[in-house]
Amino acid sequence: MNQQTSQQVTIGATEARNNFSELLKRVYKGREHLVVEKGGIPVAALIGIREYEAFQRWQAQKAVRELGREMGKKAEQMGLDE
C-alpha cells in the first residue's frame, strides 16, 4: 500500500460505543485508525474508506501474484513451457 497510512489509536469498547459518531469523524479525516479493545484484547478496527480500499487493492494484487505462481508451478508439472 503506497499511500501514507493513518496513525493507530487504541480505544476501549465502551468508549467506542459512547462516542461512535465522533470516532467516525476522526477516522474520516484520515489521520488515524482505531483499534477497539474489549477487556484489553483487540477485537475490531475502524479505518477510513480510502485506507480500506487501498487494503482491498493490495489483497487483490497479492492474490493475483499467488495465482500466477500456482499456475506456473502447475504448467511446469505438466511439462509446459513458454
PDB file of N, CA and C in Angstrom:
ATOM      1  N   MET A   1       0.858  -1.165   0.000  1.00  0.00           N
ATOM      2  CA  MET A   1       0.000   0.000   0.000  1.00  0.00           C
ATOM      3  C   MET A   1       0.903   1.226   0.000  1.00  0.00           C
ATOM      4  N   ASN A   2       0.872   1.960  -1.053  1.00  0.00           N
ATOM      5  CA  ASN A   2       1.814   3.062  -1.250  1.00  0.00           C
ATOM      6  C   ASN A   2       1.470   4.328  -0.493  1.00  0.00           C
ATOM      7  N   GLN A   3       0.182   4.604  -0.327  1.00  0.00           N
ATOM      8  CA  GLN A   3      -0.170   5.870   0.300  1.00  0.00           C
ATOM      9  C   GLN A   3       0.149   5.829   1.790  1.00  0.00           C
ATOM     10  N   GLN A   4       0.326   6.992   2.361  1.00  0.00           N
ATOM     11  CA  GLN A   4       0.645   7.081   3.780  1.00  0.00           C
ATOM     12  C   GLN A   4      -0.535   6.571   4.598  1.00  0.00           C
ATOM     13  N   THR A   5      -0.237   5.716   5.566  1.00  0.00           N
ATOM     14  CA  THR A   5      -1.310   5.181   6.392  1.00  0.00           C
ATOM     15  C   THR A   5      -1.527   6.058   7.614  1.00  0.00           C
ATOM     16  N   SER A   6      -2.652   5.871   8.218  1.00  0.00           N
ATOM     17  CA  SER A   6      -3.021   6.669   9.379  1.00  0.00           C
ATOM     18  C   SER A   6      -2.355   6.129  10.644  1.00  0.00           C
ATOM     19  N   GLN A   7      -2.390   6.925  11.675  1.00  0.00           N
ATOM     20  CA  GLN A   7      -1.813   6.561  12.968  1.00  0.00           C
ATOM     21  C   GLN A   7      -2.794   5.683  13.738  1.00  0.00           C
ATOM     22  N   GLN A   8      -2.269   4.643  14.371  1.00  0.00           N
ATOM     23  CA  GLN A   8      -3.127   3.753  15.159  1.00  0.00           C
ATOM     24  C   GLN A   8      -3.396   4.340  16.538  1.00  0.00           C
ATOM     25  N   VAL A   9      -4.664   4.310  16.929  1.00  0.00           N
ATOM     26  CA  VAL A   9      -5.086   4.734  18.259  1.00  0.00           C
ATOM     27  C   VAL A   9      -5.927   3.601  18.837  1.00  0.00           C
ATOM     28  N   THR A  10      -5.650   3.206  20.053  1.00  0.00           N
ATOM     29  CA  THR A  10      -6.389   2.126  20.704  1.00  0.00           C
ATOM     30  C   THR A  10      -7.418   2.720  21.662  1.00  0.00           C
ATOM     31  N   ILE A  11      -8.638   2.196  21.579  1.00  0.00           N
ATOM     32  CA  ILE A  11      -9.717   2.662  22.457  1.00  0.00           C
ATOM     33  C   ILE A  11     -10.456   1.450  23.021  1.00  0.00           C
ATOM     34  N   GLY A  12     -11.161   1.663  24.109  1.00  0.00           N
ATOM     35  CA  GLY A  12     -11.974   0.610  24.700  1.00  0.00           C
ATOM     36  C   GLY A  12     -13.331   0.514  24.024  1.00  0.00           C
ATOM     37  N   ALA A  13     -13.947  -0.648  24.157  1.00  0.00           N
ATOM     38  CA  ALA A  13     -15.254  -0.877  23.541  1.00  0.00           C
ATOM     39  C   ALA A  13     -16.312   0.089  24.076  1.00  0.00           C
ATOM     40  N   THR A  14     -16.254   0.398  25.347  1.00  0.00           N
ATOM     41  CA  THR A  14     -17.231   1.330  25.924  1.00  0.00           C
ATOM     42  C   THR A  14     -17.072   2.714  25.315  1.00  0.00           C
ATOM     43  N   GLU A  15     -15.830   3.175  25.180  1.00  0.00           N
ATOM     44  CA  GLU A  15     -15.592   4.474  24.539  1.00  0.00           C
ATOM     45  C   GLU A  15     -16.099   4.460  23.108  1.00  0.00           C
ATOM     46  N   ALA A  16     -15.861   3.362  22.392  1.00  0.00           N
ATOM     47  CA  ALA A  16     -16.332   3.255  21.004  1.00  0.00           C
ATOM     48  C   ALA A  16     -17.857   3.365  20.945  1.00  0.00           C
ATOM     49  N   ARG A  17     -18.526   2.668  21.838  1.00  0.00           N
ATOM     50  CA  ARG A  17     -19.990   2.699  21.861  1.00  0.00           C
ATOM     51  C   ARG A  17     -20.510   4.101  22.198  1.00  0.00           C
ATOM     52  N   ASN A  18     -19.912   4.720  23.197  1.00  0.00           N
ATOM     53  CA  ASN A  18     -20.404   6.016  23.665  1.00  0.00           C
ATOM     54  C   ASN A  18     -20.075   7.178  22.738  1.00  0.00           C
ATOM     55  N   ASN A  19     -19.046   7.031  21.911  1.00  0.00           N
ATOM     56  CA  ASN A  19     -18.584   8.150  21.081  1.00  0.00           C
ATOM     57  C   ASN A  19     -18.487   7.799  19.601  1.00  0.00           C
ATOM     58  N   PHE A  20     -19.323   6.874  19.143  1.00  0.00           N
ATOM     59  CA  PHE A  20     -19.181   6.353  17.785  1.00  0.00           C
ATOM     60  C   PHE A  20     -19.213   7.443  16.719  1.00  0.00           C
ATOM     61  N   SER A  21     -20.124   8.374  16.820  1.00  0.00           N
ATOM     62  CA  SER A  21     -20.237   9.437  15.822  1.00  0.00           C
ATOM     63  C   SER A  21     -18.949  10.262  15.740  1.00  0.00           C
ATOM     64  N   GLU A  22     -18.412  10.626  16.884  1.00  0.00           N
ATOM     65  CA  GLU A  22     -17.162  11.390  16.919  1.00  0.00           C
ATOM     66  C   GLU A  22     -16.000  10.572  16.367  1.00  0.00           C
ATOM     67  N   LEU A  23     -15.987   9.291  16.670  1.00  0.00           N
ATOM     68  CA  LEU A  23     -14.921   8.418  16.171  1.00  0.00           C
ATOM     69  C   LEU A  23     -14.979   8.298  14.650  1.00  0.00           C
ATOM     70  N   LEU A  24     -16.181   8.227  14.108  1.00  0.00           N
ATOM     71  CA  LEU A  24     -16.330   8.202  12.647  1.00  0.00           C
ATOM     72  C   LEU A  24     -15.728   9.459  12.020  1.00  0.00           C
ATOM     73  N   LYS A  25     -15.969  10.594  12.627  1.00  0.00           N
ATOM     74  CA  LYS A  25     -15.407  11.845  12.123  1.00  0.00           C
ATOM     75  C   LYS A  25     -13.890  11.809  12.151  1.00  0.00           C
ATOM     76  N   ARG A  26     -13.325  11.297  13.238  1.00  0.00           N
ATOM     77  CA  ARG A  26     -11.867  11.231  13.367  1.00  0.00           C
ATOM     78  C   ARG A  26     -11.274  10.325  12.294  1.00  0.00           C
ATOM     79  N   VAL A  27     -11.911   9.197  12.057  1.00  0.00           N
ATOM     80  CA  VAL A  27     -11.424   8.248  11.056  1.00  0.00           C
ATOM     81  C   VAL A  27     -11.587   8.827   9.651  1.00  0.00           C
ATOM     82  N   TYR A  28     -12.707   9.516   9.420  1.00  0.00           N
ATOM     83  CA  TYR A  28     -12.973  10.100   8.111  1.00  0.00           C
ATOM     84  C   TYR A  28     -11.884  11.086   7.698  1.00  0.00           C
ATOM     85  N   LYS A  29     -11.360  11.821   8.661  1.00  0.00           N
ATOM     86  CA  LYS A  29     -10.298  12.782   8.359  1.00  0.00           C
ATOM     87  C   LYS A  29      -9.040  12.094   7.858  1.00  0.00           C
ATOM     88  N   GLY A  30      -8.910  10.801   8.119  1.00  0.00           N
ATOM     89  CA  GLY A  30      -7.832  10.013   7.546  1.00  0.00           C
ATOM     90  C   GLY A  30      -6.509  10.059   8.274  1.00  0.00           C
ATOM     91  N   ARG A  31      -6.449  10.689   9.413  1.00  0.00           N
ATOM     92  CA  ARG A  31      -5.178  10.794  10.124  1.00  0.00           C
ATOM     93  C   ARG A  31      -4.975   9.668  11.125  1.00  0.00           C
ATOM     94  N   GLU A  32      -6.049   8.961  11.471  1.00  0.00           N
ATOM     95  CA  GLU A  32      -5.910   7.877  12.432  1.00  0.00           C
ATOM     96  C   GLU A  32      -6.890   6.758  12.129  1.00  0.00           C
ATOM     97  N   HIS A  33      -6.534   5.567  12.582  1.00  0.00           N
ATOM     98  CA  HIS A  33      -7.453   4.438  12.573  1.00  0.00           C
ATOM     99  C   HIS A  33      -7.519   3.911  13.997  1.00  0.00           C
ATOM    100  N   LEU A  34      -8.631   3.301  14.322  1.00  0.00           N
ATOM    101  CA  LEU A  34      -8.884   2.924  15.704  1.00  0.00           C
ATOM    102  C   LEU A  34      -8.910   1.412  15.870  1.00  0.00           C
ATOM    103  N   VAL A  35      -8.222   0.945  16.878  1.00  0.00           N
ATOM    104  CA  VAL A  35      -8.291  -0.455  17.275  1.00  0.00           C
ATOM    105  C   VAL A  35      -9.139  -0.490  18.541  1.00  0.00           C
ATOM    106  N   VAL A  36     -10.221  -1.257  18.482  1.00  0.00           N
ATOM    107  CA  VAL A  36     -11.147  -1.339  19.614  1.00  0.00           C
ATOM    108  C   VAL A  36     -10.804  -2.586  20.428  1.00  0.00           C
ATOM    109  N   GLU A  37     -10.598  -2.361  21.725  1.00  0.00           N
ATOM    110  CA  GLU A  37     -10.279  -3.456  22.625  1.00  0.00           C
ATOM    111  C   GLU A  37     -11.450  -3.719  23.576  1.00  0.00           C
ATOM    112  N   LYS A  38     -11.610  -4.969  23.911  1.00  0.00           N
ATOM    113  CA  LYS A  38     -12.589  -5.345  24.935  1.00  0.00           C
ATOM    114  C   LYS A  38     -11.840  -6.197  25.945  1.00  0.00           C
ATOM    115  N   GLY A  39     -11.768  -5.721  27.155  1.00  0.00           N
ATOM    116  CA  GLY A  39     -11.022  -6.420  28.185  1.00  0.00           C
ATOM    117  C   GLY A  39      -9.538  -6.486  27.876  1.00  0.00           C
ATOM    118  N   GLY A  40      -9.029  -5.465  27.184  1.00  0.00           N
ATOM    119  CA  GLY A  40      -7.617  -5.414  26.845  1.00  0.00           C
ATOM    120  C   GLY A  40      -7.217  -6.246  25.639  1.00  0.00           C
ATOM    121  N   ILE A  41      -8.194  -6.873  24.978  1.00  0.00           N
ATOM    122  CA  ILE A  41      -7.921  -7.701  23.805  1.00  0.00           C
ATOM    123  C   ILE A  41      -8.448  -6.991  22.569  1.00  0.00           C
ATOM    124  N   PRO A  42      -7.607  -6.787  21.533  1.00  0.00           N
ATOM    125  CA  PRO A  42      -8.072  -6.151  20.305  1.00  0.00           C
ATOM    126  C   PRO A  42      -9.120  -7.032  19.613  1.00  0.00           C
ATOM    127  N   VAL A  43     -10.282  -6.441  19.309  1.00  0.00           N
ATOM    128  CA  VAL A  43     -11.365  -7.215  18.705  1.00  0.00           C
ATOM    129  C   VAL A  43     -11.854  -6.656  17.372  1.00  0.00           C
ATOM    130  N   ALA A  44     -11.549  -5.395  17.083  1.00  0.00           N
ATOM    131  CA  ALA A  44     -12.038  -4.785  15.853  1.00  0.00           C
ATOM    132  C   ALA A  44     -11.181  -3.574  15.507  1.00  0.00           C
ATOM    133  N   ALA A  45     -11.327  -3.134  14.266  1.00  0.00           N
ATOM    134  CA  ALA A  45     -10.636  -1.923  13.825  1.00  0.00           C
ATOM    135  C   ALA A  45     -11.615  -1.056  13.049  1.00  0.00           C
ATOM    136  N   LEU A  46     -11.466   0.225  13.191  1.00  0.00           N
ATOM    137  CA  LEU A  46     -12.270   1.195  12.454  1.00  0.00           C
ATOM    138  C   LEU A  46     -11.297   2.014  11.626  1.00  0.00           C
ATOM    139  N   ILE A  47     -11.397   1.860  10.296  1.00  0.00           N
ATOM    140  CA  ILE A  47     -10.476   2.567   9.395  1.00  0.00           C
ATOM    141  C   ILE A  47     -11.282   3.349   8.372  1.00  0.00           C
ATOM    142  N   GLY A  48     -10.652   4.360   7.808  1.00  0.00           N
ATOM    143  CA  GLY A  48     -11.301   5.163   6.783  1.00  0.00           C
ATOM    144  C   GLY A  48     -11.476   4.379   5.497  1.00  0.00           C
ATOM    145  N   ILE A  49     -12.437   4.776   4.701  1.00  0.00           N
ATOM    146  CA  ILE A  49     -12.768   4.045   3.477  1.00  0.00           C
ATOM    147  C   ILE A  49     -11.605   4.055   2.486  1.00  0.00           C
ATOM    148  N   ARG A  50     -10.861   5.146   2.387  1.00  0.00           N
ATOM    149  CA  ARG A  50      -9.722   5.183   1.459  1.00  0.00           C
ATOM    150  C   ARG A  50      -8.665   4.154   1.842  1.00  0.00           C
ATOM    151  N   GLU A  51      -8.404   4.064   3.136  1.00  0.00           N
ATOM    152  CA  GLU A  51      -7.433   3.089   3.616  1.00  0.00           C
ATOM    153  C   GLU A  51      -7.941   1.657   3.396  1.00  0.00           C
ATOM    154  N   TYR A  52      -9.226   1.454   3.599  1.00  0.00           N
ATOM    155  CA  TYR A  52      -9.827   0.145   3.369  1.00  0.00           C
ATOM    156  C   TYR A  52      -9.747  -0.238   1.891  1.00  0.00           C
ATOM    157  N   GLU A  53     -10.058   0.692   1.003  1.00  0.00           N
ATOM    158  CA  GLU A  53      -9.986   0.418  -0.427  1.00  0.00           C
ATOM    159  C   GLU A  53      -8.549   0.113  -0.851  1.00  0.00           C
ATOM    160  N   ALA A  54      -7.585   0.830  -0.297  1.00  0.00           N
ATOM    161  CA  ALA A  54      -6.175   0.556  -0.597  1.00  0.00           C
ATOM    162  C   ALA A  54      -5.804  -0.848  -0.115  1.00  0.00           C
ATOM    163  N   PHE A  55      -6.298  -1.234   1.040  1.00  0.00           N
ATOM    164  CA  PHE A  55      -6.049  -2.574   1.557  1.00  0.00           C
ATOM    165  C   PHE A  55      -6.662  -3.625   0.634  1.00  0.00           C
ATOM    166  N   GLN A  56      -7.870  -3.390   0.153  1.00  0.00           N
ATOM    167  CA  GLN A  56      -8.512  -4.332  -0.758  1.00  0.00           C
ATOM    168  C   GLN A  56      -7.705  -4.480  -2.047  1.00  0.00           C
ATOM    169  N   ARG A  57      -7.211  -3.362  -2.591  1.00  0.00           N
ATOM    170  CA  ARG A  57      -6.378  -3.425  -3.802  1.00  0.00           C
ATOM    171  C   ARG A  57      -5.124  -4.240  -3.545  1.00  0.00           C
ATOM    172  N   TRP A  58      -4.488  -4.006  -2.397  1.00  0.00           N
ATOM    173  CA  TRP A  58      -3.275  -4.737  -2.039  1.00  0.00           C
ATOM    174  C   TRP A  58      -3.570  -6.232  -1.944  1.00  0.00           C
ATOM    175  N   GLN A  59      -4.688  -6.592  -1.321  1.00  0.00           N
ATOM    176  CA  GLN A  59      -5.065  -8.004  -1.205  1.00  0.00           C
ATOM    177  C   GLN A  59      -5.301  -8.627  -2.577  1.00  0.00           C
ATOM    178  N   ALA A  60      -5.970  -7.910  -3.457  1.00  0.00           N
ATOM    179  CA  ALA A  60      -6.239  -8.424  -4.800  1.00  0.00           C
ATOM    180  C   ALA A  60      -4.936  -8.626  -5.571  1.00  0.00           C
ATOM    181  N   GLN A  61      -4.019  -7.677  -5.480  1.00  0.00           N
ATOM    182  CA  GLN A  61      -2.734  -7.807  -6.155  1.00  0.00           C
ATOM    183  C   GLN A  61      -1.955  -9.001  -5.622  1.00  0.00           C
ATOM    184  N   LYS A  62      -2.000  -9.193  -4.323  1.00  0.00           N
ATOM    185  CA  LYS A  62      -1.335 -10.333  -3.698  1.00  0.00           C
ATOM    186  C   LYS A  62      -1.933 -11.642  -4.206  1.00  0.00           C
ATOM    187  N   ALA A  63      -3.252 -11.704  -4.304  1.00  0.00           N
ATOM    188  CA  ALA A  63      -3.931 -12.912  -4.788  1.00  0.00           C
ATOM    189  C   ALA A  63      -3.561 -13.200  -6.241  1.00  0.00           C
ATOM    190  N   VAL A  64      -3.456 -12.179  -7.067  1.00  0.00           N
ATOM    191  CA  VAL A  64      -3.088 -12.364  -8.478  1.00  0.00           C
ATOM    192  C   VAL A  64      -1.662 -12.896  -8.581  1.00  0.00           C
ATOM    193  N   ARG A  65      -0.750 -12.342  -7.771  1.00  0.00           N
ATOM    194  CA  ARG A  65       0.631 -12.836  -7.791  1.00  0.00           C
ATOM    195  C   ARG A  65       0.691 -14.307  -7.382  1.00  0.00           C
ATOM    196  N   GLU A  66      -0.048 -14.663  -6.342  1.00  0.00           N
ATOM    197  CA  GLU A  66      -0.068 -16.052  -5.882  1.00  0.00           C
ATOM    198  C   GLU A  66      -0.668 -16.973  -6.941  1.00  0.00           C
ATOM    199  N   LEU A  67      -1.725 -16.538  -7.585  1.00  0.00           N
ATOM    200  CA  LEU A  67      -2.341 -17.323  -8.643  1.00  0.00           C
ATOM    201  C   LEU A  67      -1.350 -17.555  -9.778  1.00  0.00           C
ATOM    202  N   GLY A  68      -0.604 -16.508 -10.136  1.00  0.00           N
ATOM    203  CA  GLY A  68       0.414 -16.638 -11.180  1.00  0.00           C
ATOM    204  C   GLY A  68       1.474 -17.666 -10.808  1.00  0.00           C
ATOM    205  N   ARG A  69       1.914 -17.637  -9.548  1.00  0.00           N
ATOM    206  CA  ARG A  69       2.902 -18.621  -9.083  1.00  0.00           C
ATOM    207  C   ARG A  69       2.344 -20.043  -9.176  1.00  0.00           C
ATOM    208  N   GLU A  70       1.104 -20.211  -8.725  1.00  0.00           N
ATOM    209  CA  GLU A  70       0.479 -21.531  -8.754  1.00  0.00           C
ATOM    210  C   GLU A  70       0.317 -22.040 -10.184  1.00  0.00           C
ATOM    211  N   MET A  71      -0.081 -21.155 -11.088  1.00  0.00           N
ATOM    212  CA  MET A  71      -0.239 -21.554 -12.486  1.00  0.00           C
ATOM    213  C   MET A  71       1.109 -21.936 -13.088  1.00  0.00           C
ATOM    214  N   GLY A  72       2.150 -21.184 -12.736  1.00  0.00           N
ATOM    215  CA  GLY A  72       3.485 -21.500 -13.228  1.00  0.00           C
ATOM    216  C   GLY A  72       3.949 -22.865 -12.747  1.00  0.00           C
ATOM    217  N   LYS A  73       3.714 -23.169 -11.470  1.00  0.00           N
ATOM    218  CA  LYS A  73       4.081 -24.473 -10.922  1.00  0.00           C
ATOM    219  C   LYS A  73       3.323 -25.603 -11.631  1.00  0.00           C
ATOM    220  N   LYS A  74       2.024 -25.393 -11.824  1.00  0.00           N
ATOM    221  CA  LYS A  74       1.198 -26.407 -12.480  1.00  0.00           C
ATOM    222  C   LYS A  74       1.665 -26.621 -13.918  1.00  0.00           C
ATOM    223  N   ALA A  75       1.959 -25.548 -14.633  1.00  0.00           N
ATOM    224  CA  ALA A  75       2.433 -25.672 -16.009  1.00  0.00           C
ATOM    225  C   ALA A  75       3.759 -26.423 -16.049  1.00  0.00           C
ATOM    226  N   GLU A  76       4.617 -26.155 -15.105  1.00  0.00           N
ATOM    227  CA  GLU A  76       5.912 -26.836 -15.021  1.00  0.00           C
ATOM    228  C   GLU A  76       5.701 -28.333 -14.766  1.00  0.00           C
ATOM    229  N   GLN A  77       4.785 -28.655 -13.870  1.00  0.00           N
ATOM    230  CA  GLN A  77       4.492 -30.065 -13.586  1.00  0.00           C
ATOM    231  C   GLN A  77       3.953 -30.793 -14.804  1.00  0.00           C
ATOM    232  N   MET A  78       3.230 -30.050 -15.657  1.00  0.00           N
ATOM    233  CA  MET A  78       2.660 -30.642 -16.855  1.00  0.00           C
ATOM    234  C   MET A  78       3.643 -30.646 -18.019  1.00  0.00           C
ATOM    235  N   GLY A  79       4.830 -30.110 -17.803  1.00  0.00           N
ATOM    236  CA  GLY A  79       5.843 -30.082 -18.845  1.00  0.00           C
ATOM    237  C   GLY A  79       5.648 -28.968 -19.864  1.00  0.00           C
ATOM    238  N   LEU A  80       4.851 -27.997 -19.516  1.00  0.00           N
ATOM    239  CA  LEU A  80       4.615 -26.875 -20.432  1.00  0.00           C
ATOM    240  C   LEU A  80       5.672 -25.808 -20.199  1.00  0.00           C
ATOM    241  N   ASP A  81       6.071 -25.145 -21.268  1.00  0.00           N
ATOM    242  CA  ASP A  81       6.998 -24.019 -21.142  1.00  0.00           C
ATOM    243  C   ASP A  81       6.550 -22.923 -22.075  1.00  0.00           C
ATOM    244  N   GLU A  82       7.295 -21.861 -22.062  1.00  0.00           N
ATOM    245  CA  GLU A  82       6.925 -20.698 -22.880  1.00  0.00           C
ATOM    246  C   GLU A  82       6.920 -21.068 -24.333  1.00  0.00           C
TER     247      GLU A  82
END
